[in-house]
Amino acid sequence: MKITICGSSTFMDKMIEIKAKLSELGHEPVVHEDYEDMVAGRRSELLNLIGTEHAEAKRKYGYIKWYHNAIKNSDAVLILNYDKRGIKNYIGGNTLMEMGFAHVNNKKIFLLNPLPEEVSYIDEIKAMTDVILNGDLSKIA
């Protein structure tokens, strides 16, 4: 299954780890090449820009449009919802949009971890989520 991996850029290290695990399970995982470069220690200027001017980086490098296209060309999305900013199983605004892209394009939506508890848009997340994996990637089918 071709799966676009989505989540906060804070989790880019984990995106690369999960990509390898999905490949081992026979899937075709998709992660933006810039994330792979930054995790590998390349593109430090981009990493700095994301850390200081995240909106500018998203616009300059077309990340929102790239993810929209990647999702349209995938079978599913895997949402990496780890703890962030004191919120358990965090799903932020950008990831919520990516879930929306997947939903309106009839792509399966997997959450790696349980639903976040402290977000005002929990109903939208529930409405779009197909499978909660509870950390078990082998449940992807």
C-alpha atoms as a PDB file:
ATOM      1  CA  MET A   1       0.000   0.000   0.000  1.00  0.00           C
ATOM      2  CA  LYS A   2       1.294   3.474  -0.856  1.00  0.00           C
ATOM      3  CA  ILE A   3       1.118   5.518   2.358  1.00  0.00           C
ATOM      4  CA  THR A   4       1.923   9.201   2.839  1.00  0.00           C
ATOM      5  CA  ILE A   5       3.307   9.798   6.327  1.00  0.00           C
ATOM      6  CA  CYS A   6       1.953  12.983   7.910  1.00  0.00           C
ATOM      7  CA  GLY A   7       2.500  14.772  11.198  1.00  0.00           C
ATOM      8  CA  SER A   8       4.149  17.756  12.789  1.00  0.00           C
ATOM      9  CA  SER A   9       7.576  18.604  11.377  1.00  0.00           C
ATOM     10  CA  THR A  10       8.749  18.249  14.987  1.00  0.00           C
ATOM     11  CA  PHE A  11       8.362  14.510  14.393  1.00  0.00           C
ATOM     12  CA  MET A  12      10.498  14.344  11.218  1.00  0.00           C
ATOM     13  CA  ASP A  13      13.011  11.965  12.854  1.00  0.00           C
ATOM     14  CA  LYS A  14      10.173   9.591  13.668  1.00  0.00           C
ATOM     15  CA  MET A  15       8.805   9.950  10.113  1.00  0.00           C
ATOM     16  CA  ILE A  16      12.048   8.517   8.765  1.00  0.00           C
ATOM     17  CA  GLU A  17      12.019   5.680  11.334  1.00  0.00           C
ATOM     18  CA  ILE A  18       8.403   4.808  10.494  1.00  0.00           C
ATOM     19  CA  LYS A  19       9.166   4.980   6.775  1.00  0.00           C
ATOM     20  CA  ALA A  20      11.787   2.235   7.201  1.00  0.00           C
ATOM     21  CA  LYS A  21       9.402   0.090   9.258  1.00  0.00           C
ATOM     22  CA  LEU A  22       6.614   0.435   6.685  1.00  0.00           C
ATOM     23  CA  SER A  23       9.037  -0.549   3.913  1.00  0.00           C
ATOM     24  CA  GLU A  24       9.989  -3.660   5.900  1.00  0.00           C
ATOM     25  CA  LEU A  25       6.269  -4.511   6.097  1.00  0.00           C
ATOM     26  CA  GLY A  26       6.001  -4.319   2.301  1.00  0.00           C
ATOM     27  CA  HIS A  27       4.403  -0.883   1.991  1.00  0.00           C
ATOM     28  CA  GLU A  28       5.493   2.041  -0.172  1.00  0.00           C
ATOM     29  CA  PRO A  29       5.841   4.919   2.321  1.00  0.00           C
ATOM     30  CA  VAL A  30       6.107   8.538   1.189  1.00  0.00           C
ATOM     31  CA  VAL A  31       7.909  11.291   3.117  1.00  0.00           C
ATOM     32  CA  HIS A  32       9.011  14.647   1.722  1.00  0.00           C
ATOM     33  CA  GLU A  33      12.645  14.417   0.615  1.00  0.00           C
ATOM     34  CA  ASP A  34      13.482  17.621   2.516  1.00  0.00           C
ATOM     35  CA  TYR A  35      12.602  15.865   5.776  1.00  0.00           C
ATOM     36  CA  GLU A  36      14.901  12.997   4.855  1.00  0.00           C
ATOM     37  CA  ASP A  37      17.676  15.483   4.051  1.00  0.00           C
ATOM     38  CA  MET A  38      17.241  17.398   7.308  1.00  0.00           C
ATOM     39  CA  VAL A  39      17.249  14.220   9.394  1.00  0.00           C
ATOM     40  CA  ALA A  40      20.434  13.134   7.593  1.00  0.00           C
ATOM     41  CA  GLY A  41      22.101  16.417   8.609  1.00  0.00           C
ATOM     42  CA  ARG A  42      21.760  18.159   5.265  1.00  0.00           C
ATOM     43  CA  ARG A  43      19.767  21.364   4.645  1.00  0.00           C
ATOM     44  CA  SER A  44      20.590  23.052   7.961  1.00  0.00           C
ATOM     45  CA  GLU A  45      19.433  26.407   6.526  1.00  0.00           C
ATOM     46  CA  LEU A  46      15.988  24.915   5.900  1.00  0.00           C
ATOM     47  CA  LEU A  47      15.878  23.365   9.356  1.00  0.00           C
ATOM     48  CA  ASN A  48      16.667  26.797  10.826  1.00  0.00           C
ATOM     49  CA  LEU A  49      13.953  28.432   8.703  1.00  0.00           C
ATOM     50  CA  ILE A  50      11.386  25.872   9.846  1.00  0.00           C
ATOM     51  CA  GLY A  51      12.429  26.536  13.436  1.00  0.00           C
ATOM     52  CA  THR A  52      12.064  30.312  13.153  1.00  0.00           C
ATOM     53  CA  GLU A  53       9.678  31.093  10.276  1.00  0.00           C
ATOM     54  CA  HIS A  54       7.615  27.949   9.814  1.00  0.00           C
ATOM     55  CA  ALA A  55       4.833  29.613   7.792  1.00  0.00           C
ATOM     56  CA  GLU A  56       7.398  31.161   5.445  1.00  0.00           C
ATOM     57  CA  ALA A  57       9.068  27.768   4.928  1.00  0.00           C
ATOM     58  CA  LYS A  58       5.719  26.109   4.161  1.00  0.00           C
ATOM     59  CA  ARG A  59       4.946  28.746   1.557  1.00  0.00           C
ATOM     60  CA  LYS A  60       8.445  29.054   0.055  1.00  0.00           C
ATOM     61  CA  TYR A  61       8.905  25.293  -0.364  1.00  0.00           C
ATOM     62  CA  GLY A  62       5.264  24.497  -1.194  1.00  0.00           C
ATOM     63  CA  TYR A  63       4.856  21.881   1.527  1.00  0.00           C
ATOM     64  CA  ILE A  64       1.069  22.151   1.776  1.00  0.00           C
ATOM     65  CA  LYS A  65       0.647  21.685  -1.980  1.00  0.00           C
ATOM     66  CA  TRP A  66       3.246  18.906  -2.048  1.00  0.00           C
ATOM     67  CA  TYR A  67       1.412  16.967   0.657  1.00  0.00           C
ATOM     68  CA  HIS A  68      -1.916  17.511  -1.097  1.00  0.00           C
ATOM     69  CA  ASN A  69      -0.500  15.954  -4.269  1.00  0.00           C
ATOM     70  CA  ALA A  70       1.277  13.153  -2.398  1.00  0.00           C
ATOM     71  CA  ILE A  71      -1.938  12.249  -0.601  1.00  0.00           C
ATOM     72  CA  LYS A  72      -3.954  12.271  -3.836  1.00  0.00           C
ATOM     73  CA  ASN A  73      -1.428   9.822  -5.304  1.00  0.00           C
ATOM     74  CA  SER A  74      -1.416   7.495  -2.275  1.00  0.00           C
ATOM     75  CA  ASP A  75      -3.759   4.811  -1.018  1.00  0.00           C
ATOM     76  CA  ALA A  76      -3.705   6.049   2.565  1.00  0.00           C
ATOM     77  CA  VAL A  77      -2.157   8.407   5.094  1.00  0.00           C
ATOM     78  CA  LEU A  78      -0.511   7.526   8.366  1.00  0.00           C
ATOM     79  CA  ILE A  79      -0.816  10.280  10.950  1.00  0.00           C
ATOM     80  CA  LEU A  80       2.062  10.350  13.433  1.00  0.00           C
ATOM     81  CA  ASN A  81       0.360  11.774  16.486  1.00  0.00           C
ATOM     82  CA  TYR A  82       2.926  11.825  19.260  1.00  0.00           C
ATOM     83  CA  ASP A  83       2.825  14.026  22.367  1.00  0.00           C
ATOM     84  CA  LYS A  84       3.667  17.691  21.742  1.00  0.00           C
ATOM     85  CA  ARG A  85       3.246  20.941  23.692  1.00  0.00           C
ATOM     86  CA  GLY A  86       1.744  19.063  26.608  1.00  0.00           C
ATOM     87  CA  ILE A  87      -0.978  17.564  24.393  1.00  0.00           C
ATOM     88  CA  LYS A  88      -1.126  13.778  24.330  1.00  0.00           C
ATOM     89  CA  ASN A  89      -1.272  12.367  20.768  1.00  0.00           C
ATOM     90  CA  TYR A  90      -1.067  15.828  19.200  1.00  0.00           C
ATOM     91  CA  ILE A  91      -2.626  16.597  15.810  1.00  0.00           C
ATOM     92  CA  GLY A  92      -2.059  20.207  14.757  1.00  0.00           C
ATOM     93  CA  GLY A  93      -3.632  22.435  12.153  1.00  0.00           C
ATOM     94  CA  ASN A  94      -1.484  21.371   9.216  1.00  0.00           C
ATOM     95  CA  THR A  95      -1.955  17.672   9.952  1.00  0.00           C
ATOM     96  CA  LEU A  96      -5.696  18.226  10.315  1.00  0.00           C
ATOM     97  CA  MET A  97      -5.664  19.738   6.797  1.00  0.00           C
ATOM     98  CA  GLU A  98      -3.768  16.706   5.514  1.00  0.00           C
ATOM     99  CA  MET A  99      -6.398  14.459   7.059  1.00  0.00           C
ATOM    100  CA  GLY A 100      -9.008  16.550   5.245  1.00  0.00           C
ATOM    101  CA  PHE A 101      -7.151  16.140   1.937  1.00  0.00           C
ATOM    102  CA  ALA A 102      -7.155  12.369   2.467  1.00  0.00           C
ATOM    103  CA  HIS A 103     -10.793  12.265   3.528  1.00  0.00           C
ATOM    104  CA  VAL A 104     -12.187  14.161   0.530  1.00  0.00           C
ATOM    105  CA  ASN A 105     -10.048  12.032  -1.802  1.00  0.00           C
ATOM    106  CA  ASN A 106     -11.363   8.783  -0.259  1.00  0.00           C
ATOM    107  CA  LYS A 107      -7.990   7.734   1.160  1.00  0.00           C
ATOM    108  CA  LYS A 108      -7.797   5.576   4.259  1.00  0.00           C
ATOM    109  CA  ILE A 109      -6.668   7.454   7.368  1.00  0.00           C
ATOM    110  CA  PHE A 110      -4.629   5.657  10.018  1.00  0.00           C
ATOM    111  CA  LEU A 111      -3.707   7.246  13.359  1.00  0.00           C
ATOM    112  CA  LEU A 112      -0.559   5.786  14.896  1.00  0.00           C
ATOM    113  CA  ASN A 113      -1.695   6.530  18.449  1.00  0.00           C
ATOM    114  CA  PRO A 114      -5.071   7.077  20.151  1.00  0.00           C
ATOM    115  CA  LEU A 115      -7.110  10.216  19.566  1.00  0.00           C
ATOM    116  CA  PRO A 116      -5.794  13.458  21.065  1.00  0.00           C
ATOM    117  CA  GLU A 117      -7.697  14.473  24.157  1.00  0.00           C
ATOM    118  CA  GLU A 118      -7.268  18.219  24.386  1.00  0.00           C
ATOM    119  CA  VAL A 119      -8.110  19.692  20.979  1.00  0.00           C
ATOM    120  CA  SER A 120     -11.218  21.654  20.038  1.00  0.00           C
ATOM    121  CA  TYR A 121     -11.507  19.861  16.680  1.00  0.00           C
ATOM    122  CA  ILE A 122     -11.737  16.302  18.040  1.00  0.00           C
ATOM    123  CA  ASP A 123     -15.090  15.695  16.308  1.00  0.00           C
ATOM    124  CA  GLU A 124     -13.515  16.389  12.916  1.00  0.00           C
ATOM    125  CA  ILE A 125     -10.652  14.004  13.678  1.00  0.00           C
ATOM    126  CA  LYS A 126     -13.101  11.292  14.760  1.00  0.00           C
ATOM    127  CA  ALA A 127     -15.217  11.806  11.636  1.00  0.00           C
ATOM    128  CA  MET A 128     -12.242  11.295   9.324  1.00  0.00           C
ATOM    129  CA  THR A 129     -10.247   8.554  11.099  1.00  0.00           C
ATOM    130  CA  ASP A 130     -10.640   5.038   9.732  1.00  0.00           C
ATOM    131  CA  VAL A 131      -8.272   3.036  11.952  1.00  0.00           C
ATOM    132  CA  ILE A 132      -6.463   3.763  15.218  1.00  0.00           C
ATOM    133  CA  LEU A 133      -3.347   1.573  15.237  1.00  0.00           C
ATOM    134  CA  ASN A 134      -2.401   2.006  18.907  1.00  0.00           C
ATOM    135  CA  GLY A 135       1.245   1.951  17.810  1.00  0.00           C
ATOM    136  CA  ASP A 136       0.959  -1.332  15.850  1.00  0.00           C
ATOM    137  CA  LEU A 137       1.953  -0.796  12.202  1.00  0.00           C
ATOM    138  CA  SER A 138       1.101  -4.411  11.371  1.00  0.00           C
ATOM    139  CA  LYS A 139      -2.592  -3.452  11.605  1.00  0.00           C
ATOM    140  CA  ILE A 140      -2.304  -1.464   8.363  1.00  0.00           C
ATOM    141  CA  ALA A 141      -4.242  -3.292   5.672  1.00  0.00           C
END
